Amino acid sequence: MENSRRSFLQSLFLVGGVGVVSQAKAESLVVKGEAVKLVVLHTNDVHSHVDPFEDNDPKYPGLGGASRRAGLINKIRKENEHVLLLDAGDIFQGTPYFNMYGGELELTLMSKMGYDATTMGNHDFDNGLDGFMAVNHHAKFPYICSNYDFSNTILKDKTIPYKIFYKGNIKIGVFGLGVELDGLVDKKLYGETIYNDPVPVANKYAKLLKTEQNCDLVICLSHLGYEYQDDRISDLKLAEKTSNIDLIIGGHTHTFLDQAKEMKNKEGKKVLINQVGWAGIRLGKVEFYFDKTSKKVYEYSKNGQDFVKIK
């Protein structure tokens, strides 16, 4: 299955202390066994879009579709040894598939695609905590929720605050942040779920992962939203107010970024932020190249997005 690809916009920035090289040079170091390439694939706000949009759709003709996404993911996995597949929430709600199956189909398909983790979006509460629990066993991947406290609910111990993944000799720490539910989701749907301020939670887990667990890369799965005109916390503000995060994979605002946003954290270090719209129209892709010995980042592709469609 072929796909229409956008060329990957490259950025030759120093991230971790190793000399800057081109992506071509970094690829050659991978071939020589001197570097390790990590491909991070991601989605957000798929909203139960199992089928592609109709060919006559005025905005997204022929785009999306779970089977096409699976084909694209498999193609990338065949081409790359180390791939991490993540989602930033709002798996549920948006098509009759959710109304009929309550999320079972979506989680089953994502499990077959080999997703490594997701976080919870506000619409993942749409069938209430009972509804979520009824289908959660179909997810063969963890829900990573760092700032939702489910201690007094039936979701106690059903989510985790962070997870560490190993790809080759590279150690990747992932944590997840959800949007404030009060005023956005009916209280009866989330019950006694407690929302904690994302900024101190992010600093806590990013520090734990980077400095205590010695992760080479720290990723935040965020369902906070990319940017707002008011003082609500967003991915842009999160990047500025935190340390130790290398990549923020965003959701909630359905923002199509044609290239990943590069920000500086509160210590002046680089943070990448990416979000790929909604409905499974695009598959996000960010590549990192690590020195095999020091495990510092040589170079990363600032952004790459593949349209999920048949060419």
C-alpha atoms as a PDB file:
ATOM      1  CA  MET A   1       0.000   0.000   0.000  1.00  0.00           C
ATOM      2  CA  GLU A   2       1.457   3.312  -1.065  1.00  0.00           C
ATOM      3  CA  ASN A   3       1.002   6.637   0.653  1.00  0.00           C
ATOM      4  CA  SER A   4       1.360  10.251  -0.307  1.00  0.00           C
ATOM      5  CA  ARG A   5       4.284  11.551   1.673  1.00  0.00           C
ATOM      6  CA  ARG A   6       5.390  14.997   2.635  1.00  0.00           C
ATOM      7  CA  SER A   7       9.136  15.461   2.617  1.00  0.00           C
ATOM      8  CA  PHE A   8      10.540  15.510   6.105  1.00  0.00           C
ATOM      9  CA  LEU A   9      11.615  19.016   7.113  1.00  0.00           C
ATOM     10  CA  GLN A  10      15.039  18.657   8.594  1.00  0.00           C
ATOM     11  CA  SER A  11      16.594  20.677  11.379  1.00  0.00           C
ATOM     12  CA  LEU A  12      20.291  20.378  12.154  1.00  0.00           C
ATOM     13  CA  PHE A  13      20.234  21.451  15.794  1.00  0.00           C
ATOM     14  CA  LEU A  14      22.400  20.242  18.655  1.00  0.00           C
ATOM     15  CA  VAL A  15      20.166  18.642  21.287  1.00  0.00           C
ATOM     16  CA  GLY A  16      22.275  16.639  23.639  1.00  0.00           C
ATOM     17  CA  GLY A  17      25.912  17.657  23.465  1.00  0.00           C
ATOM     18  CA  VAL A  18      27.219  15.731  20.442  1.00  0.00           C
ATOM     19  CA  GLY A  19      28.431  17.542  17.333  1.00  0.00           C
ATOM     20  CA  VAL A  20      25.811  18.601  14.813  1.00  0.00           C
ATOM     21  CA  VAL A  21      25.576  16.418  11.729  1.00  0.00           C
ATOM     22  CA  SER A  22      23.263  16.233   8.747  1.00  0.00           C
ATOM     23  CA  GLN A  23      20.491  13.669   8.589  1.00  0.00           C
ATOM     24  CA  ALA A  24      22.341  11.935   5.757  1.00  0.00           C
ATOM     25  CA  LYS A  25      25.437  11.699   7.933  1.00  0.00           C
ATOM     26  CA  ALA A  26      23.363  10.465  10.857  1.00  0.00           C
ATOM     27  CA  GLU A  27      21.830   7.775   8.625  1.00  0.00           C
ATOM     28  CA  SER A  28      25.312   6.676   7.569  1.00  0.00           C
ATOM     29  CA  LEU A  29      26.335   6.402  11.224  1.00  0.00           C
ATOM     30  CA  VAL A  30      23.308   4.158  11.795  1.00  0.00           C
ATOM     31  CA  VAL A  31      24.438   1.913   8.932  1.00  0.00           C
ATOM     32  CA  LYS A  32      27.940   1.745  10.445  1.00  0.00           C
ATOM     33  CA  GLY A  33      26.499   0.830  13.833  1.00  0.00           C
ATOM     34  CA  GLU A  34      27.753   4.019  15.455  1.00  0.00           C
ATOM     35  CA  ALA A  35      24.317   5.589  15.924  1.00  0.00           C
ATOM     36  CA  VAL A  36      20.801   4.442  16.781  1.00  0.00           C
ATOM     37  CA  LYS A  37      17.740   5.802  15.000  1.00  0.00           C
ATOM     38  CA  LEU A  38      14.437   6.076  16.864  1.00  0.00           C
ATOM     39  CA  VAL A  39      11.238   6.788  14.931  1.00  0.00           C
ATOM     40  CA  VAL A  40       8.366   8.164  17.016  1.00  0.00           C
ATOM     41  CA  LEU A  41       4.995   7.780  15.298  1.00  0.00           C
ATOM     42  CA  HIS A  42       1.916   9.392  16.789  1.00  0.00           C
ATOM     43  CA  THR A  43      -1.765  10.194  16.434  1.00  0.00           C
ATOM     44  CA  ASN A  44      -4.285  12.254  18.376  1.00  0.00           C
ATOM     45  CA  ASP A  45      -8.045  12.851  18.395  1.00  0.00           C
ATOM     46  CA  VAL A  46      -8.845  10.005  16.029  1.00  0.00           C
ATOM     47  CA  HIS A  47     -12.448  10.155  17.328  1.00  0.00           C
ATOM     48  CA  SER A  48     -13.638   6.725  16.201  1.00  0.00           C
ATOM     49  CA  HIS A  49     -12.829   7.392  12.532  1.00  0.00           C
ATOM     50  CA  VAL A  50     -12.386   3.798  11.436  1.00  0.00           C
ATOM     51  CA  ASP A  51     -13.279   4.437   7.791  1.00  0.00           C
ATOM     52  CA  PRO A  52     -11.626   6.999   5.509  1.00  0.00           C
ATOM     53  CA  PHE A  53     -13.492  10.140   4.579  1.00  0.00           C
ATOM     54  CA  GLU A  54     -15.553   9.884   1.408  1.00  0.00           C
ATOM     55  CA  ASP A  55     -13.813  10.875  -1.822  1.00  0.00           C
ATOM     56  CA  ASN A  56     -16.267  13.770  -2.223  1.00  0.00           C
ATOM     57  CA  ASP A  57     -15.734  15.136   1.288  1.00  0.00           C
ATOM     58  CA  PRO A  58     -15.213  18.922   0.921  1.00  0.00           C
ATOM     59  CA  LYS A  59     -12.322  19.102   3.427  1.00  0.00           C
ATOM     60  CA  TYR A  60     -10.640  15.698   3.668  1.00  0.00           C
ATOM     61  CA  PRO A  61     -11.448  13.748   0.489  1.00  0.00           C
ATOM     62  CA  GLY A  62     -10.226  10.182   0.687  1.00  0.00           C
ATOM     63  CA  LEU A  63      -8.100  10.764   3.771  1.00  0.00           C
ATOM     64  CA  GLY A  64      -7.734   8.604   6.866  1.00  0.00           C
ATOM     65  CA  GLY A  65      -8.945   5.113   7.627  1.00  0.00           C
ATOM     66  CA  ALA A  66      -7.685   2.577  10.162  1.00  0.00           C
ATOM     67  CA  SER A  67      -6.614  -0.022   7.586  1.00  0.00           C
ATOM     68  CA  ARG A  68      -4.583   2.547   5.663  1.00  0.00           C
ATOM     69  CA  ARG A  69      -2.973   3.788   8.851  1.00  0.00           C
ATOM     70  CA  ALA A  70      -2.076   0.216   9.752  1.00  0.00           C
ATOM     71  CA  GLY A  71      -0.506  -0.276   6.330  1.00  0.00           C
ATOM     72  CA  LEU A  72       1.541   2.882   6.671  1.00  0.00           C
ATOM     73  CA  ILE A  73       2.693   1.960  10.181  1.00  0.00           C
ATOM     74  CA  ASN A  74       3.722  -1.511   9.001  1.00  0.00           C
ATOM     75  CA  LYS A  75       5.643  -0.014   6.096  1.00  0.00           C
ATOM     76  CA  ILE A  76       7.571   2.311   8.400  1.00  0.00           C
ATOM     77  CA  ARG A  77       8.293  -0.549  10.812  1.00  0.00           C
ATOM     78  CA  LYS A  78       9.730  -2.628   7.970  1.00  0.00           C
ATOM     79  CA  GLU A  79      12.012   0.261   7.054  1.00  0.00           C
ATOM     80  CA  ASN A  80      13.151   1.055  10.605  1.00  0.00           C
ATOM     81  CA  GLU A  81      14.347  -1.135  13.454  1.00  0.00           C
ATOM     82  CA  HIS A  82      13.260   1.047  16.378  1.00  0.00           C
ATOM     83  CA  VAL A  83       9.728   2.484  16.228  1.00  0.00           C
ATOM     84  CA  LEU A  84       7.554   3.821  19.052  1.00  0.00           C
ATOM     85  CA  LEU A  85       3.828   4.321  18.343  1.00  0.00           C
ATOM     86  CA  LEU A  86       1.910   6.676  20.650  1.00  0.00           C
ATOM     87  CA  ASP A  87      -1.458   8.419  20.887  1.00  0.00           C
ATOM     88  CA  ALA A  88      -2.474  11.618  22.690  1.00  0.00           C
ATOM     89  CA  GLY A  89      -6.097  10.835  23.544  1.00  0.00           C
ATOM     90  CA  ASP A  90      -9.686  11.220  22.339  1.00  0.00           C
ATOM     91  CA  ILE A  91      -9.782   7.794  20.787  1.00  0.00           C
ATOM     92  CA  PHE A  92     -13.566   7.719  21.305  1.00  0.00           C
ATOM     93  CA  GLN A  93     -16.601   9.607  19.985  1.00  0.00           C
ATOM     94  CA  GLY A  94     -17.336  10.961  16.537  1.00  0.00           C
ATOM     95  CA  THR A  95     -18.817   8.183  14.389  1.00  0.00           C
ATOM     96  CA  PRO A  96     -21.558   5.543  14.769  1.00  0.00           C
ATOM     97  CA  TYR A  97     -18.883   2.951  15.516  1.00  0.00           C
ATOM     98  CA  PHE A  98     -18.534   4.424  18.989  1.00  0.00           C
ATOM     99  CA  ASN A  99     -22.287   4.585  19.516  1.00  0.00           C
ATOM    100  CA  MET A 100     -22.607   0.936  18.516  1.00  0.00           C
ATOM    101  CA  TYR A 101     -19.530  -0.651  20.114  1.00  0.00           C
ATOM    102  CA  GLY A 102     -18.635   1.790  22.904  1.00  0.00           C
ATOM    103  CA  GLY A 103     -14.947   1.955  21.999  1.00  0.00           C
ATOM    104  CA  GLU A 104     -14.299  -1.787  21.691  1.00  0.00           C
ATOM    105  CA  LEU A 105     -13.592  -1.573  17.952  1.00  0.00           C
ATOM    106  CA  GLU A 106     -11.229   1.378  18.253  1.00  0.00           C
ATOM    107  CA  LEU A 107      -9.164  -0.236  21.016  1.00  0.00           C
ATOM    108  CA  THR A 108      -9.074  -3.569  19.204  1.00  0.00           C
ATOM    109  CA  LEU A 109      -7.794  -1.959  16.022  1.00  0.00           C
ATOM    110  CA  MET A 110      -5.178   0.080  17.870  1.00  0.00           C
ATOM    111  CA  SER A 111      -4.011  -3.063  19.648  1.00  0.00           C
ATOM    112  CA  LYS A 112      -3.628  -4.843  16.306  1.00  0.00           C
ATOM    113  CA  MET A 113      -1.601  -1.867  15.038  1.00  0.00           C
ATOM    114  CA  GLY A 114       0.741  -2.301  17.987  1.00  0.00           C
ATOM    115  CA  TYR A 115       0.292   1.003  19.782  1.00  0.00           C
ATOM    116  CA  ASP A 116       2.726   1.302  22.677  1.00  0.00           C
ATOM    117  CA  ALA A 117       0.698   3.735  24.812  1.00  0.00           C
ATOM    118  CA  THR A 118      -1.948   6.446  24.907  1.00  0.00           C
ATOM    119  CA  THR A 119      -3.267   9.015  27.362  1.00  0.00           C
ATOM    120  CA  MET A 120      -6.892   9.886  28.139  1.00  0.00           C
ATOM    121  CA  GLY A 121      -8.706  12.671  26.361  1.00  0.00           C
ATOM    122  CA  ASN A 122     -11.920  14.274  27.586  1.00  0.00           C
ATOM    123  CA  HIS A 123     -14.044  12.302  25.096  1.00  0.00           C
ATOM    124  CA  ASP A 124     -12.646   9.047  26.416  1.00  0.00           C
ATOM    125  CA  PHE A 125     -14.967   9.694  29.382  1.00  0.00           C
ATOM    126  CA  ASP A 126     -18.064   9.966  27.166  1.00  0.00           C
ATOM    127  CA  ASN A 127     -19.505   6.618  28.261  1.00  0.00           C
ATOM    128  CA  GLY A 128     -18.558   7.297  31.850  1.00  0.00           C
ATOM    129  CA  LEU A 129     -16.046   5.388  33.954  1.00  0.00           C
ATOM    130  CA  ASP A 130     -18.208   2.249  33.777  1.00  0.00           C
ATOM    131  CA  GLY A 131     -18.308   2.430  29.994  1.00  0.00           C
ATOM    132  CA  PHE A 132     -14.554   2.907  29.830  1.00  0.00           C
ATOM    133  CA  MET A 133     -13.978  -0.074  32.115  1.00  0.00           C
ATOM    134  CA  ALA A 134     -16.272  -2.247  30.031  1.00  0.00           C
ATOM    135  CA  VAL A 135     -14.048  -1.977  26.960  1.00  0.00           C
ATOM    136  CA  ASN A 136     -10.634  -1.229  28.457  1.00  0.00           C
ATOM    137  CA  HIS A 137      -9.551  -4.890  28.360  1.00  0.00           C
ATOM    138  CA  HIS A 138      -9.466  -4.618  24.566  1.00  0.00           C
ATOM    139  CA  ALA A 139      -6.531  -2.203  24.858  1.00  0.00           C
ATOM    140  CA  LYS A 140      -3.294  -4.198  24.768  1.00  0.00           C
ATOM    141  CA  PHE A 141      -1.389  -1.028  25.596  1.00  0.00           C
ATOM    142  CA  PRO A 142      -1.353   1.160  28.718  1.00  0.00           C
ATOM    143  CA  TYR A 143      -3.209   4.382  29.404  1.00  0.00           C
ATOM    144  CA  ILE A 144      -0.592   6.742  30.828  1.00  0.00           C
ATOM    145  CA  CYS A 145      -2.296   9.373  33.007  1.00  0.00           C
ATOM    146  CA  SER A 146      -0.032  11.412  35.280  1.00  0.00           C
ATOM    147  CA  ASN A 147      -2.296  14.239  36.459  1.00  0.00           C
ATOM    148  CA  TYR A 148      -5.626  12.402  36.794  1.00  0.00           C
ATOM    149  CA  ASP A 149      -6.008  10.786  40.200  1.00  0.00           C
ATOM    150  CA  PHE A 150      -8.415   7.849  39.930  1.00  0.00           C
ATOM    151  CA  SER A 151      -7.855   6.619  43.503  1.00  0.00           C
ATOM    152  CA  ASN A 152     -11.517   7.008  44.486  1.00  0.00           C
ATOM    153  CA  THR A 153     -12.932   5.553  41.272  1.00  0.00           C
ATOM    154  CA  ILE A 154     -13.229   2.182  39.563  1.00  0.00           C
ATOM    155  CA  LEU A 155     -10.234   3.164  37.407  1.00  0.00           C
ATOM    156  CA  LYS A 156      -7.896   2.912  40.405  1.00  0.00           C
ATOM    157  CA  ASP A 157      -4.770   1.043  39.266  1.00  0.00           C
ATOM    158  CA  LYS A 158      -6.144   0.785  35.713  1.00  0.00           C
ATOM    159  CA  THR A 159      -3.849   3.521  34.417  1.00  0.00           C
ATOM    160  CA  ILE A 160      -0.172   4.250  35.072  1.00  0.00           C
ATOM    161  CA  PRO A 161       1.611   7.595  35.654  1.00  0.00           C
ATOM    162  CA  TYR A 162       4.566   6.837  33.379  1.00  0.00           C
ATOM    163  CA  LYS A 163       6.255   4.050  31.461  1.00  0.00           C
ATOM    164  CA  ILE A 164       9.790   3.409  30.271  1.00  0.00           C
ATOM    165  CA  PHE A 165      10.383   1.871  26.861  1.00  0.00           C
ATOM    166  CA  TYR A 166      13.613   0.399  25.525  1.00  0.00           C
ATOM    167  CA  LYS A 167      14.491   0.591  21.843  1.00  0.00           C
ATOM    168  CA  GLY A 168      17.922  -0.833  21.192  1.00  0.00           C
ATOM    169  CA  ASN A 169      20.089   0.681  23.890  1.00  0.00           C
ATOM    170  CA  ILE A 170      17.923   3.813  24.042  1.00  0.00           C
ATOM    171  CA  LYS A 171      15.745   4.379  27.113  1.00  0.00           C
ATOM    172  CA  ILE A 172      12.585   6.438  26.554  1.00  0.00           C
ATOM    173  CA  GLY A 173      10.375   7.741  29.349  1.00  0.00           C
ATOM    174  CA  VAL A 174       6.747   8.617  28.617  1.00  0.00           C
ATOM    175  CA  PHE A 175       4.190  10.355  30.839  1.00  0.00           C
ATOM    176  CA  GLY A 176       0.734  11.760  30.083  1.00  0.00           C
ATOM    177  CA  LEU A 177      -1.319  14.862  30.881  1.00  0.00           C
ATOM    178  CA  GLY A 178      -5.073  15.367  30.587  1.00  0.00           C
ATOM    179  CA  VAL A 179      -7.161  18.512  30.254  1.00  0.00           C
ATOM    180  CA  GLU A 180      -9.234  19.861  33.136  1.00  0.00           C
ATOM    181  CA  LEU A 181     -12.561  18.021  33.128  1.00  0.00           C
ATOM    182  CA  ASP A 182     -14.653  20.450  35.193  1.00  0.00           C
ATOM    183  CA  GLY A 183     -16.852  22.438  32.834  1.00  0.00           C
ATOM    184  CA  LEU A 184     -15.845  20.284  29.880  1.00  0.00           C
ATOM    185  CA  VAL A 185     -17.192  16.860  30.861  1.00  0.00           C
ATOM    186  CA  ASP A 186     -20.372  16.111  32.812  1.00  0.00           C
ATOM    187  CA  LYS A 187     -19.421  15.383  36.423  1.00  0.00           C
ATOM    188  CA  LYS A 188     -21.414  12.155  36.452  1.00  0.00           C
ATOM    189  CA  LEU A 189     -19.163  10.810  33.683  1.00  0.00           C
ATOM    190  CA  TYR A 190     -15.854  11.253  35.514  1.00  0.00           C
ATOM    191  CA  GLY A 191     -17.115  10.895  39.084  1.00  0.00           C
ATOM    192  CA  GLU A 192     -14.456  11.360  41.760  1.00  0.00           C
ATOM    193  CA  THR A 193     -11.595  11.737  39.301  1.00  0.00           C
ATOM    194  CA  ILE A 194      -9.237  14.429  40.603  1.00  0.00           C
ATOM    195  CA  TYR A 195      -7.505  16.782  38.169  1.00  0.00           C
ATOM    196  CA  ASN A 196      -4.043  17.955  39.259  1.00  0.00           C
ATOM    197  CA  ASP A 197      -2.205  20.984  37.864  1.00  0.00           C
ATOM    198  CA  PRO A 198      -0.229  19.712  34.834  1.00  0.00           C
ATOM    199  CA  VAL A 199       2.841  21.927  35.326  1.00  0.00           C
ATOM    200  CA  PRO A 200       4.112  20.599  38.684  1.00  0.00           C
ATOM    201  CA  VAL A 201       3.088  17.085  37.661  1.00  0.00           C
ATOM    202  CA  ALA A 202       5.054  17.413  34.414  1.00  0.00           C
ATOM    203  CA  ASN A 203       8.104  18.731  36.223  1.00  0.00           C
ATOM    204  CA  LYS A 204       7.883  15.892  38.743  1.00  0.00           C
ATOM    205  CA  TYR A 205       7.704  13.070  36.223  1.00  0.00           C
ATOM    206  CA  ALA A 206      10.038  14.595  33.644  1.00  0.00           C
ATOM    207  CA  LYS A 207      12.689  15.031  36.349  1.00  0.00           C
ATOM    208  CA  LEU A 208      12.116  11.502  37.622  1.00  0.00           C
ATOM    209  CA  LEU A 209      12.474  10.060  34.137  1.00  0.00           C
ATOM    210  CA  LYS A 210      15.429  12.167  33.018  1.00  0.00           C
ATOM    211  CA  THR A 211      17.551  12.457  36.160  1.00  0.00           C
ATOM    212  CA  GLU A 212      16.540   9.528  38.381  1.00  0.00           C
ATOM    213  CA  GLN A 213      15.675   6.894  35.772  1.00  0.00           C
ATOM    214  CA  ASN A 214      18.332   8.247  33.359  1.00  0.00           C
ATOM    215  CA  CYS A 215      16.100   8.172  30.295  1.00  0.00           C
ATOM    216  CA  ASP A 216      17.761   9.307  27.088  1.00  0.00           C
ATOM    217  CA  LEU A 217      14.517  10.840  25.805  1.00  0.00           C
ATOM    218  CA  VAL A 218      11.443  12.079  27.692  1.00  0.00           C
ATOM    219  CA  ILE A 219       8.094  12.324  25.896  1.00  0.00           C
ATOM    220  CA  CYS A 220       4.915  13.926  27.201  1.00  0.00           C
ATOM    221  CA  LEU A 221       1.586  12.736  25.798  1.00  0.00           C
ATOM    222  CA  SER A 222      -0.546  15.843  26.211  1.00  0.00           C
ATOM    223  CA  HIS A 223      -4.279  16.302  25.808  1.00  0.00           C
ATOM    224  CA  LEU A 224      -4.072  19.899  27.041  1.00  0.00           C
ATOM    225  CA  GLY A 225      -4.379  21.645  23.667  1.00  0.00           C
ATOM    226  CA  TYR A 226      -1.784  23.429  21.557  1.00  0.00           C
ATOM    227  CA  GLU A 227      -2.553  27.107  22.244  1.00  0.00           C
ATOM    228  CA  TYR A 228      -5.300  29.341  23.664  1.00  0.00           C
ATOM    229  CA  GLN A 229      -6.044  33.048  23.692  1.00  0.00           C
ATOM    230  CA  ASP A 230      -6.657  32.976  27.446  1.00  0.00           C
ATOM    231  CA  ASP A 231      -4.566  31.779  30.390  1.00  0.00           C
ATOM    232  CA  ARG A 232      -5.419  28.067  30.133  1.00  0.00           C
ATOM    233  CA  ILE A 233      -2.431  25.778  30.196  1.00  0.00           C
ATOM    234  CA  SER A 234      -1.451  24.633  26.716  1.00  0.00           C
ATOM    235  CA  ASP A 235       1.421  22.737  25.155  1.00  0.00           C
ATOM    236  CA  LEU A 236       3.206  25.995  24.362  1.00  0.00           C
ATOM    237  CA  LYS A 237       2.947  27.181  27.966  1.00  0.00           C
ATOM    238  CA  LEU A 238       3.835  23.754  29.299  1.00  0.00           C
ATOM    239  CA  ALA A 239       7.061  23.757  27.298  1.00  0.00           C
ATOM    240  CA  GLU A 240       8.059  27.148  28.709  1.00  0.00           C
ATOM    241  CA  LYS A 241       7.243  26.255  32.317  1.00  0.00           C
ATOM    242  CA  THR A 242       8.935  22.861  32.536  1.00  0.00           C
ATOM    243  CA  SER A 243      12.312  21.131  32.244  1.00  0.00           C
ATOM    244  CA  ASN A 244      13.541  17.741  31.041  1.00  0.00           C
ATOM    245  CA  ILE A 245      10.881  17.185  28.334  1.00  0.00           C
ATOM    246  CA  ASP A 246      12.256  16.545  24.841  1.00  0.00           C
ATOM    247  CA  LEU A 247       9.030  16.015  22.881  1.00  0.00           C
ATOM    248  CA  ILE A 248       5.411  16.974  23.565  1.00  0.00           C
ATOM    249  CA  ILE A 249       2.916  15.022  21.481  1.00  0.00           C
ATOM    250  CA  GLY A 250      -0.262  17.068  21.658  1.00  0.00           C
ATOM    251  CA  GLY A 251      -3.990  16.703  21.180  1.00  0.00           C
ATOM    252  CA  HIS A 252      -7.387  18.221  22.030  1.00  0.00           C
ATOM    253  CA  THR A 253      -7.333  21.332  19.826  1.00  0.00           C
ATOM    254  CA  HIS A 254      -7.213  19.376  16.528  1.00  0.00           C
ATOM    255  CA  THR A 255      -4.256  21.496  15.430  1.00  0.00           C
ATOM    256  CA  PHE A 256      -2.597  20.618  12.123  1.00  0.00           C
ATOM    257  CA  LEU A 257       1.055  21.607  12.388  1.00  0.00           C
ATOM    258  CA  ASP A 258       2.900  21.634   9.074  1.00  0.00           C
ATOM    259  CA  GLN A 259       6.123  21.483  11.011  1.00  0.00           C
ATOM    260  CA  ALA A 260       6.824  20.754  14.625  1.00  0.00           C
ATOM    261  CA  LYS A 261       7.118  23.780  16.850  1.00  0.00           C
ATOM    262  CA  GLU A 262      10.478  24.221  18.523  1.00  0.00           C
ATOM    263  CA  MET A 263      10.384  25.931  21.901  1.00  0.00           C
ATOM    264  CA  LYS A 264      12.787  26.657  24.742  1.00  0.00           C
ATOM    265  CA  ASN A 265      12.029  25.272  28.176  1.00  0.00           C
ATOM    266  CA  LYS A 266      12.568  27.203  31.398  1.00  0.00           C
ATOM    267  CA  GLU A 267      16.265  26.304  31.289  1.00  0.00           C
ATOM    268  CA  GLY A 268      16.658  27.436  27.686  1.00  0.00           C
ATOM    269  CA  LYS A 269      16.855  23.912  26.259  1.00  0.00           C
ATOM    270  CA  LYS A 270      14.982  22.786  23.158  1.00  0.00           C
ATOM    271  CA  VAL A 271      11.555  21.132  23.253  1.00  0.00           C
ATOM    272  CA  LEU A 272       9.668  19.859  20.218  1.00  0.00           C
ATOM    273  CA  ILE A 273       5.854  20.076  20.087  1.00  0.00           C
ATOM    274  CA  ASN A 274       3.816  18.301  17.453  1.00  0.00           C
ATOM    275  CA  GLN A 275       0.125  17.666  16.815  1.00  0.00           C
ATOM    276  CA  VAL A 276      -1.454  16.093  13.744  1.00  0.00           C
ATOM    277  CA  GLY A 277      -4.984  17.439  13.588  1.00  0.00           C
ATOM    278  CA  TRP A 278      -7.685  14.833  14.080  1.00  0.00           C
ATOM    279  CA  ALA A 279      -9.605  11.849  12.628  1.00  0.00           C
ATOM    280  CA  GLY A 280      -6.502   9.865  11.707  1.00  0.00           C
ATOM    281  CA  ILE A 281      -5.916  12.010   8.637  1.00  0.00           C
ATOM    282  CA  ARG A 282      -2.203  12.243   9.305  1.00  0.00           C
ATOM    283  CA  LEU A 283       0.363  10.093  11.047  1.00  0.00           C
ATOM    284  CA  GLY A 284       2.945  12.126  12.933  1.00  0.00           C
ATOM    285  CA  LYS A 285       6.593  11.151  12.623  1.00  0.00           C
ATOM    286  CA  VAL A 286       9.667  12.498  14.407  1.00  0.00           C
ATOM    287  CA  GLU A 287      13.081  10.857  14.051  1.00  0.00           C
ATOM    288  CA  PHE A 288      15.885  11.006  16.606  1.00  0.00           C
ATOM    289  CA  TYR A 289      19.477   9.890  16.042  1.00  0.00           C
ATOM    290  CA  PHE A 290      21.519   8.914  19.095  1.00  0.00           C
ATOM    291  CA  ASP A 291      25.229   8.299  19.441  1.00  0.00           C
ATOM    292  CA  LYS A 292      25.390   4.601  20.286  1.00  0.00           C
ATOM    293  CA  THR A 293      27.945   5.035  23.066  1.00  0.00           C
ATOM    294  CA  SER A 294      27.043   8.321  24.752  1.00  0.00           C
ATOM    295  CA  LYS A 295      23.348   8.055  23.746  1.00  0.00           C
ATOM    296  CA  LYS A 296      23.239  11.804  23.166  1.00  0.00           C
ATOM    297  CA  VAL A 297      21.152  13.062  20.266  1.00  0.00           C
ATOM    298  CA  TYR A 298      23.080  13.855  17.088  1.00  0.00           C
ATOM    299  CA  GLU A 299      20.156  15.215  15.144  1.00  0.00           C
ATOM    300  CA  TYR A 300      16.398  15.018  14.779  1.00  0.00           C
ATOM    301  CA  SER A 301      13.969  15.636  11.985  1.00  0.00           C
ATOM    302  CA  LYS A 302      12.013  18.678  13.045  1.00  0.00           C
ATOM    303  CA  ASN A 303       8.838  17.210  11.637  1.00  0.00           C
ATOM    304  CA  GLY A 304       7.423  14.720   9.224  1.00  0.00           C
ATOM    305  CA  GLN A 305       3.796  13.915   8.581  1.00  0.00           C
ATOM    306  CA  ASP A 306       2.343  11.298   6.293  1.00  0.00           C
ATOM    307  CA  PHE A 307      -1.128  11.702   4.872  1.00  0.00           C
ATOM    308  CA  VAL A 308      -3.074   8.509   5.422  1.00  0.00           C
ATOM    309  CA  LYS A 309      -4.462   7.859   1.969  1.00  0.00           C
ATOM    310  CA  ILE A 310      -4.010   5.734  -1.128  1.00  0.00           C
ATOM    311  CA  LYS A 311      -1.851   7.458  -3.704  1.00  0.00           C
END
